[in-house]
Amino acid sequence: MRMMTMTIVTAIMLGGCASARDMMFYEKPGVSEEQMRADEAACTRAALDTAGQRAAAFLSVDRDTVIDCMRARGYRVSGRT
């Protein structure tokens, strides 16, 4: 089940489900692109977990939770309109 969730989260992230106006950019000096993507994936998983059963049924991601998580990890978040 966990592997299926990871696969779905990855597909959502790579699939570009958000429109261009909803794109978020994360910046943190000294962090590689690979590490930033790993942090974003972890924050996205946390956002799915906080959405409860509804998330499992509809794959709802609480973007505010992702943003708060990335900020807590030291990233500067920009790009939201």
C-alpha atoms as a PDB file:
ATOM      1  CA  MET A   1       0.000   0.000   0.000  1.00  0.00           C
ATOM      2  CA  ARG A   2       2.814   2.410   0.874  1.00  0.00           C
ATOM      3  CA  MET A   3       4.531   1.700  -2.451  1.00  0.00           C
ATOM      4  CA  MET A   4       1.287   2.412  -4.307  1.00  0.00           C
ATOM      5  CA  THR A   5       0.910   5.720  -2.460  1.00  0.00           C
ATOM      6  CA  MET A   6       4.499   6.665  -3.317  1.00  0.00           C
ATOM      7  CA  THR A   7       3.912   5.800  -6.974  1.00  0.00           C
ATOM      8  CA  ILE A   8       0.767   7.905  -7.088  1.00  0.00           C
ATOM      9  CA  VAL A   9       2.421  10.862  -5.345  1.00  0.00           C
ATOM     10  CA  THR A  10       5.360  10.680  -7.741  1.00  0.00           C
ATOM     11  CA  ALA A  11       3.038  10.527 -10.744  1.00  0.00           C
ATOM     12  CA  ILE A  12       1.136  13.562  -9.494  1.00  0.00           C
ATOM     13  CA  MET A  13       4.311  15.520  -8.922  1.00  0.00           C
ATOM     14  CA  LEU A  14       5.863  14.582 -12.253  1.00  0.00           C
ATOM     15  CA  GLY A  15       2.612  14.852 -14.171  1.00  0.00           C
ATOM     16  CA  GLY A  16       2.367  18.574 -13.687  1.00  0.00           C
ATOM     17  CA  CYS A  17      -1.187  18.559 -12.403  1.00  0.00           C
ATOM     18  CA  ALA A  18      -0.933  22.176 -11.299  1.00  0.00           C
ATOM     19  CA  SER A  19      -1.493  24.913 -13.831  1.00  0.00           C
ATOM     20  CA  ALA A  20       1.320  27.373 -14.527  1.00  0.00           C
ATOM     21  CA  ARG A  21      -0.263  29.975 -12.226  1.00  0.00           C
ATOM     22  CA  ASP A  22      -0.243  27.511  -9.313  1.00  0.00           C
ATOM     23  CA  MET A  23       3.402  26.479  -9.682  1.00  0.00           C
ATOM     24  CA  MET A  24       5.475  26.762  -6.538  1.00  0.00           C
ATOM     25  CA  PHE A  25       9.204  27.379  -6.445  1.00  0.00           C
ATOM     26  CA  TYR A  26      11.379  26.467  -3.490  1.00  0.00           C
ATOM     27  CA  GLU A  27      14.780  28.019  -2.889  1.00  0.00           C
ATOM     28  CA  LYS A  28      17.366  27.208  -0.256  1.00  0.00           C
ATOM     29  CA  PRO A  29      21.031  28.098  -0.651  1.00  0.00           C
ATOM     30  CA  GLY A  30      23.376  25.120  -0.761  1.00  0.00           C
ATOM     31  CA  VAL A  31      20.687  22.511  -1.425  1.00  0.00           C
ATOM     32  CA  SER A  32      20.904  20.315  -4.510  1.00  0.00           C
ATOM     33  CA  GLU A  33      17.960  19.850  -6.859  1.00  0.00           C
ATOM     34  CA  GLU A  34      17.830  16.213  -5.790  1.00  0.00           C
ATOM     35  CA  GLN A  35      17.570  17.126  -2.093  1.00  0.00           C
ATOM     36  CA  MET A  36      14.932  19.784  -2.809  1.00  0.00           C
ATOM     37  CA  ARG A  37      12.825  17.239  -4.702  1.00  0.00           C
ATOM     38  CA  ALA A  38      13.219  14.715  -1.862  1.00  0.00           C
ATOM     39  CA  ASP A  39      12.111  17.349   0.659  1.00  0.00           C
ATOM     40  CA  GLU A  40       9.143  18.333  -1.507  1.00  0.00           C
ATOM     41  CA  ALA A  41       8.129  14.669  -1.888  1.00  0.00           C
ATOM     42  CA  ALA A  42       8.299  14.167   1.891  1.00  0.00           C
ATOM     43  CA  CYS A  43       6.218  17.303   2.462  1.00  0.00           C
ATOM     44  CA  THR A  44       3.688  16.167  -0.156  1.00  0.00           C
ATOM     45  CA  ARG A  45       3.379  12.776   1.553  1.00  0.00           C
ATOM     46  CA  ALA A  46       2.786  14.584   4.857  1.00  0.00           C
ATOM     47  CA  ALA A  47       0.080  16.694   3.189  1.00  0.00           C
ATOM     48  CA  LEU A  48      -1.658  13.551   1.949  1.00  0.00           C
ATOM     49  CA  ASP A  49      -1.505  12.035   5.426  1.00  0.00           C
ATOM     50  CA  THR A  50      -3.089  15.111   7.028  1.00  0.00           C
ATOM     51  CA  ALA A  51      -5.979  14.996   4.567  1.00  0.00           C
ATOM     52  CA  GLY A  52      -7.081  11.643   5.997  1.00  0.00           C
ATOM     53  CA  GLN A  53      -9.384   9.180   4.246  1.00  0.00           C
ATOM     54  CA  ARG A  54     -10.563  11.756   1.736  1.00  0.00           C
ATOM     55  CA  ALA A  55      -7.009  12.030   0.401  1.00  0.00           C
ATOM     56  CA  ALA A  56      -6.857   8.302  -0.204  1.00  0.00           C
ATOM     57  CA  ALA A  57     -10.093   8.410  -2.200  1.00  0.00           C
ATOM     58  CA  PHE A  58      -9.525  11.627  -4.144  1.00  0.00           C
ATOM     59  CA  LEU A  59      -5.746  12.186  -3.962  1.00  0.00           C
ATOM     60  CA  SER A  60      -6.251  15.583  -2.408  1.00  0.00           C
ATOM     61  CA  VAL A  61      -3.040  17.406  -1.495  1.00  0.00           C
ATOM     62  CA  ASP A  62      -3.235  20.226   1.016  1.00  0.00           C
ATOM     63  CA  ARG A  63      -0.855  22.710  -0.675  1.00  0.00           C
ATOM     64  CA  ASP A  64      -0.754  24.926   2.429  1.00  0.00           C
ATOM     65  CA  THR A  65       0.613  21.977   4.407  1.00  0.00           C
ATOM     66  CA  VAL A  66       3.282  21.394   1.750  1.00  0.00           C
ATOM     67  CA  ILE A  67       4.256  25.081   1.805  1.00  0.00           C
ATOM     68  CA  ASP A  68       4.404  25.158   5.621  1.00  0.00           C
ATOM     69  CA  CYS A  69       6.518  22.000   5.626  1.00  0.00           C
ATOM     70  CA  MET A  70       8.972  23.394   3.066  1.00  0.00           C
ATOM     71  CA  ARG A  71       9.274  26.638   5.033  1.00  0.00           C
ATOM     72  CA  ALA A  72       9.925  24.630   8.194  1.00  0.00           C
ATOM     73  CA  ARG A  73      12.787  22.935   6.329  1.00  0.00           C
ATOM     74  CA  GLY A  74      14.295  26.348   5.564  1.00  0.00           C
ATOM     75  CA  TYR A  75      13.098  26.942   2.011  1.00  0.00           C
ATOM     76  CA  ARG A  76      11.914  30.265   0.634  1.00  0.00           C
ATOM     77  CA  VAL A  77       8.636  29.648  -1.178  1.00  0.00           C
ATOM     78  CA  SER A  78       7.520  31.751  -4.148  1.00  0.00           C
ATOM     79  CA  GLY A  79       5.365  31.551  -7.246  1.00  0.00           C
ATOM     80  CA  ARG A  80       1.871  31.247  -5.822  1.00  0.00           C
ATOM     81  CA  THR A  81      -0.651  33.665  -7.308  1.00  0.00           C
END
